[in-house]
């Protein structure tokens, strides 16, 4: 996909990314390095947890959502620059889950002080193979204009 600039975006534009497939070993490897809670690293102990089995770290779900969006979805010129947001984990991600991401542009505001950029509100919903949302991310992004890339006034 070619890079998208502020001028290319419209409210309501949607994009999809994925799939993201979770396997038990990748869940445990990520968790050992980043979120070593027992329900992420040990299947036997996790079976006695409130989750009833091994689950992925929410941080892994967030990281792989980002990777999928960069690989398949909207790629903004000059990168995806976050300026805040709200992340929610709605249900556990388990080994064998196949996730997809649906994104929608909710709002676009050009900066009056800096016309080479704007703020874009995006909603990313990551869902499992059953169509159940597992994560939402409402993100505020700084998106640059083509003018910035070309140096035009």
Foldseek 3Di string as FASTA:
>chain_A
DDADFLVNDDAFDKKKWDWDAAALVVQQVCCVVPPVDCLRHPFVVVCVDPQNGRFHDPVVVVVVQVVRCCVGNHAHPPGWAFDDKDKDFDHTHDHGWIKMKMKGWHDWAADPVDNQKIKIWMWIFIATPVRHTGMIITTITIGGHVCVVVVHD
